[in-house]
Protein backbone atom coordinates (compact mmCIF):
# COMPACT_ATOMS: atom_id res chain seq x y z
CA MET A 1 309.67 101.74 165.35
CA LEU A 2 309.43 103.02 161.79
CA ASP A 3 306.92 105.84 161.60
CA VAL A 4 305.14 105.54 158.26
CA GLY A 5 304.52 109.29 158.30
CA GLU A 6 308.19 110.12 158.78
CA PRO A 7 309.30 112.68 156.18
CA HIS A 8 312.70 111.05 155.51
CA ARG A 9 311.31 107.58 154.91
CA THR A 10 311.92 105.94 151.57
CA GLU A 11 310.18 102.88 150.22
CA GLN A 12 310.40 100.58 147.25
CA ARG A 13 308.27 97.60 146.29
CA LYS A 14 309.12 94.62 144.12
CA HIS A 15 306.87 91.90 142.79
CA LEU A 16 308.29 88.41 143.09
CA ARG A 17 307.93 85.75 140.41
CA GLY A 18 307.49 83.03 143.00
CA ASP A 19 310.68 81.06 142.42
CA LEU A 20 313.38 80.45 145.03
CA SER A 21 315.99 81.09 142.32
CA GLU A 22 315.24 84.83 142.61
CA LEU A 23 316.51 85.10 146.21
CA ALA A 24 319.94 86.34 145.10
CA GLU A 25 318.27 89.00 142.93
CA VAL A 26 316.11 90.14 145.88
CA ARG A 27 319.14 90.34 148.20
CA SER A 28 321.02 92.36 145.61
CA TRP A 29 318.02 94.69 145.17
CA VAL A 30 317.83 95.32 148.93
CA ALA A 31 321.60 95.83 149.28
CA GLY A 32 321.56 98.33 146.42
CA LEU A 33 318.82 100.35 148.12
CA LEU A 34 320.21 100.32 151.67
CA THR A 35 323.43 102.19 151.04
CA CYS A 36 322.97 103.86 154.46
CA ALA A 37 323.30 100.56 156.34
CA ASP A 38 326.42 99.47 158.20
CA ARG A 39 327.96 96.33 156.69
CA HIS A 40 327.17 93.95 159.56
CA ARG A 41 323.65 95.41 159.94
CA LEU A 42 323.13 94.91 156.21
CA ASP A 43 324.13 91.26 156.64
CA ASP A 44 321.38 90.84 159.27
CA ILE A 45 318.86 92.63 157.06
CA LEU A 46 319.71 90.42 154.08
CA LEU A 47 319.41 87.30 156.24
CA VAL A 48 315.92 88.38 157.36
CA VAL A 49 314.94 89.23 153.77
CA ASP A 50 316.11 85.79 152.70
CA GLU A 51 314.12 84.06 155.45
CA LEU A 52 310.88 86.01 154.95
CA VAL A 53 310.93 85.68 151.17
CA SER A 54 311.91 82.01 151.15
CA ASN A 55 309.20 81.23 153.75
CA ALA A 56 306.56 82.90 151.58
CA LEU A 57 307.74 81.20 148.40
CA THR A 58 307.99 77.79 150.08
CA HIS A 59 304.89 77.75 152.27
CA ALA A 60 302.37 80.12 150.68
CA ALA A 61 300.59 80.96 147.46
CA GLY A 62 301.22 83.98 145.25
CA PRO A 63 301.14 86.61 144.10
CA TYR A 64 304.07 87.71 146.22
CA TRP A 65 305.75 91.05 146.76
CA ILE A 66 308.37 92.56 149.02
CA ARG A 67 308.30 96.14 150.24
CA LEU A 68 311.30 97.80 151.82
CA CYS A 69 310.81 100.98 153.87
CA TRP A 70 313.78 102.69 155.46
CA THR A 71 315.15 105.74 157.20
CA ALA A 72 318.76 106.48 158.13
CA ASP A 73 318.31 104.33 161.25
CA THR A 74 315.74 101.62 160.55
CA ALA A 75 314.70 99.23 157.80
CA ARG A 76 311.33 97.50 157.60
CA ILE A 77 310.89 94.48 155.36
CA GLU A 78 307.36 93.42 154.42
CA VAL A 79 306.60 90.26 152.46
CA ARG A 80 303.09 89.64 151.18
CA ASP A 81 301.58 86.36 150.05
CA ASP A 82 298.10 84.96 149.48
CA SER A 83 298.07 82.35 152.23
CA PRO A 84 295.74 82.91 155.18
CA LEU A 85 298.00 80.71 157.35
CA LEU A 86 300.12 82.86 159.65
CA ALA A 87 303.88 82.43 159.96
CA ARG A 88 304.93 80.73 163.16
CA GLN A 89 307.97 79.57 165.00
CA ARG A 90 308.21 75.83 165.19
CA GLU A 91 310.65 73.40 166.64
CA PRO A 92 313.57 73.06 164.21
CA ASP A 93 314.15 69.62 162.74
CA MET A 94 315.86 68.07 159.74
CA THR A 95 313.27 69.57 157.37
CA GLY A 96 313.51 73.18 158.59
CA GLY A 97 311.87 75.33 161.22
CA ARG A 98 314.75 77.75 161.74
CA GLY A 99 313.50 80.69 159.66
CA MET A 100 311.32 82.56 162.13
CA HIS A 101 313.82 81.87 164.93
CA ILE A 102 316.46 83.61 162.79
CA VAL A 103 314.08 86.53 162.16
CA THR A 104 313.40 86.80 165.91
CA ALA A 105 317.14 86.80 166.69
CA CYS A 106 318.01 89.47 164.11
CA ALA A 107 315.02 91.80 164.12
CA THR A 108 314.15 94.44 166.67
CA ARG A 109 310.60 93.25 166.21
CA TRP A 110 308.45 91.36 163.74
CA ASP A 111 304.78 90.62 163.33
CA GLN A 112 302.20 89.91 160.67
CA GLN A 113 298.77 91.04 159.66
CA ARG A 114 296.03 89.40 157.71
CA ILE A 115 294.93 91.16 154.55
CA ASP A 116 292.31 90.25 151.97
CA GLY A 117 293.17 86.75 150.83
CA GLY A 118 296.51 86.54 152.59
CA LYS A 119 298.96 88.17 154.95
CA VAL A 120 301.95 90.49 155.27
CA VAL A 121 304.83 89.37 157.47
CA TRP A 122 307.15 92.21 158.46
CA ALA A 123 310.32 92.77 160.43
CA GLU A 124 312.20 95.88 161.53
CA LEU A 125 315.94 96.09 162.01
CA PRO A 126 318.42 98.88 162.71
CA THR A 127 320.58 100.00 159.82
CA THR A 128 323.39 101.41 161.99
CA GLN A 129 325.34 100.47 165.11
CA ALA A 130 323.81 101.61 168.40
């Protein structure tokens, strides 16, 4: 678990324009920040970033932002949107439904919290091999 009071924690926040075309830019931003992450762990982190951001942009209202908090061992991705509807796993079909299953498979843990006018969906993943 990422302790928000941990002295060696770093965080960055980025506002999102609300367009799926910015996913590559967001992945690049995260990869540039997480230089401490092992390559295959970074791949998992980027997959989760992609899923959380694309879910927000596809299913929720803006404004949107992503916050990345990390230590040498753990990364936490938080994506905020202005939809009161909580993210959920659903049965995959031809139209989608795989995103939160992917997050569950990759992340150590994930959850969400309601905030004024919306929610924050977050996931934590290791940055290094166990």
